[in-house]
Protein backbone atom coordinates (compact mmCIF):
# COMPACT_ATOMS: atom_id res chain seq x y z
CA MET A 1 -10.46 -6.98 2.22
CA ALA A 2 -10.74 -5.14 -1.13
CA THR A 3 -8.41 -6.47 -4.19
CA ALA A 4 -6.41 -4.20 -6.20
CA ARG A 5 -7.46 -3.10 -9.05
CA THR A 6 -5.64 -0.39 -11.92
CA LYS A 7 -6.96 2.42 -13.13
CA LYS A 8 -5.22 4.70 -16.02
CA THR A 9 -7.18 7.85 -14.62
CA THR A 10 -8.42 9.38 -11.80
CA GLY A 11 -12.56 10.55 -10.89
CA LEU A 12 -11.62 12.99 -8.16
CA THR A 13 -10.43 16.60 -8.87
CA GLU A 14 -7.17 17.48 -6.48
CA ALA A 15 -9.70 19.18 -3.55
CA GLN A 16 -11.64 15.98 -3.43
CA PHE A 17 -8.69 13.80 -3.09
CA THR A 18 -7.23 16.30 -0.15
CA GLN A 19 -10.27 15.80 1.70
CA VAL A 20 -10.28 12.07 1.25
CA VAL A 21 -6.68 12.16 2.61
CA ALA A 22 -7.75 14.29 5.41
CA ALA A 23 -9.51 11.42 6.73
CA TYR A 24 -7.41 8.95 5.95
CA SER A 25 -5.94 6.91 8.61
CA ASP A 26 -2.23 7.32 9.79
CA GLU A 27 -1.27 3.92 9.19
CA TYR A 28 -2.53 3.84 5.57
CA ILE A 29 -1.17 7.37 5.23
CA SER A 30 1.73 5.81 6.51
CA CYS A 31 1.87 2.99 3.89
CA ARG A 32 1.15 5.16 1.03
CA ASP A 33 4.13 7.51 1.76
CA THR A 34 6.88 5.18 2.75
CA GLY A 35 5.88 1.84 1.53
CA HIS A 36 4.37 -1.33 3.76
CA HIS A 37 6.17 -2.75 6.03
CA TRP A 38 5.86 -6.62 5.17
CA LYS A 39 6.34 -9.62 7.77
CA PRO A 40 6.31 -13.40 6.37
CA ILE A 41 3.19 -14.76 7.60
CA THR A 42 2.79 -18.51 6.04
CA ALA A 43 4.71 -20.61 3.16
CA VAL A 44 3.47 -23.95 1.75
CA ARG A 45 5.21 -25.69 -0.73
CA GLU A 46 2.95 -27.21 -3.49
CA LYS A 47 3.85 -31.00 -3.53
CA LYS A 48 2.90 -31.23 -7.73
CA THR A 49 4.59 -28.33 -9.27
CA GLY A 50 7.54 -27.27 -5.90
CA ASN A 51 5.83 -23.82 -6.34
CA ILE A 52 5.76 -21.99 -3.22
CA ARG A 53 2.56 -20.18 -1.70
CA ARG A 54 3.59 -17.56 0.77
CA VAL A 55 1.60 -14.84 2.30
CA LEU A 56 2.86 -11.67 3.97
CA THR A 57 0.82 -9.00 5.92
CA CYS A 58 1.29 -5.47 6.56
CA GLN A 59 2.14 -4.75 9.66
CA HIS A 60 1.11 -1.01 9.56
CA CYS A 61 -2.42 -1.37 7.75
CA ALA A 62 -2.95 -4.99 7.84
CA ALA A 63 -2.65 -5.38 4.06
CA ASP A 64 -1.94 -8.99 2.90
CA ARG A 65 0.28 -9.68 -0.61
CA ASN A 66 0.09 -13.01 -1.70
CA GLN A 67 2.90 -14.51 -4.03
CA VAL A 68 3.36 -17.78 -5.73
CA LEU A 69 7.13 -18.49 -6.38
CA ASP A 70 8.75 -20.87 -8.49
CA ARG A 71 11.24 -23.49 -6.86
CA ALA A 72 14.14 -21.19 -7.60
CA GLY A 73 12.36 -18.09 -5.73
CA TYR A 74 11.16 -16.11 -8.55
CA ILE A 75 7.42 -14.75 -8.18
CA ILE A 76 4.95 -16.34 -10.84
CA SER A 77 2.23 -14.15 -9.76
CA SER A 78 1.64 -11.59 -6.83
CA SER A 79 -1.71 -10.02 -5.77
CA TYR A 80 -3.21 -8.17 -3.06
CA SER A 81 -5.62 -7.32 -0.14
CA TYR A 82 -6.70 -4.34 1.54
CA GLN A 83 -8.84 -3.74 4.31
CA SER A 84 -11.79 -1.62 4.13
CA GLY A 85 -11.00 2.26 3.58
CA TYR A 86 -7.50 1.51 2.30
CA LEU A 87 -8.44 2.11 -1.64
CA ILE A 88 -9.36 5.69 -2.27
CA PRO A 89 -12.90 5.17 -4.56
CA ARG A 90 -12.63 6.25 -7.99
CA VAL A 91 -8.66 6.78 -8.23
CA GLY A 92 -6.95 3.97 -9.65
CA ARG A 93 -2.90 4.13 -9.60
CA LEU A 94 -1.96 7.34 -7.67
CA LYS A 95 -0.55 10.58 -10.00
CA ALA A 96 2.56 12.26 -8.66
CA SER A 97 0.12 14.91 -7.37
CA HIS A 98 -1.64 12.47 -5.24
CA ARG A 99 1.51 11.23 -3.78
CA ALA A 100 3.03 14.48 -3.02
CA ALA A 101 -0.58 15.29 -1.31
CA LEU A 102 0.36 11.86 0.97
CA ARG A 103 3.73 12.80 1.76
CA LEU A 104 2.53 16.48 3.27
CA ALA A 105 -0.23 14.70 5.40
CA SER A 106 2.64 12.12 6.43
CA ILE A 107 4.68 15.11 7.32
CA THR A 108 1.92 17.01 9.04
CA ARG A 109 0.86 14.18 11.06
CA ALA A 110 4.01 13.61 12.88
CA PRO A 111 5.87 15.62 15.02
CA VAL A 112 8.24 18.27 12.91
CA THR A 113 11.25 20.35 14.01
CA GLU A 114 12.86 23.61 12.49
CA ALA A 115 16.49 22.99 11.34
CA GLN A 116 19.05 25.09 13.30
CA ALA A 117 20.85 27.60 10.96
CA SER A 118 24.47 27.24 11.06
């Protein structure tokens, strides 16, 4: 699994990004478009601190969310691990145009019906 790294700029043109999205799996498109569907997997309380370490896994793309919570439930730290192929090389944080391309890809892969005129 890969670990997320945040970058401020992208190294791909919009055309290159569109090509990458065309080859993306349906599960990855879904998570990038509408967000992950997290399911709690484990939660363990640390004896010394009382903090809780928990792991959640996305039911669509199998990404892992690792969190440390304090005794009151506030998040102390959070990190993510992704399956190979989820992170797009040379692209850090997605721009609005990237998200738009992902939404269109998600829509074109799902059955779309025309609305009836009233």
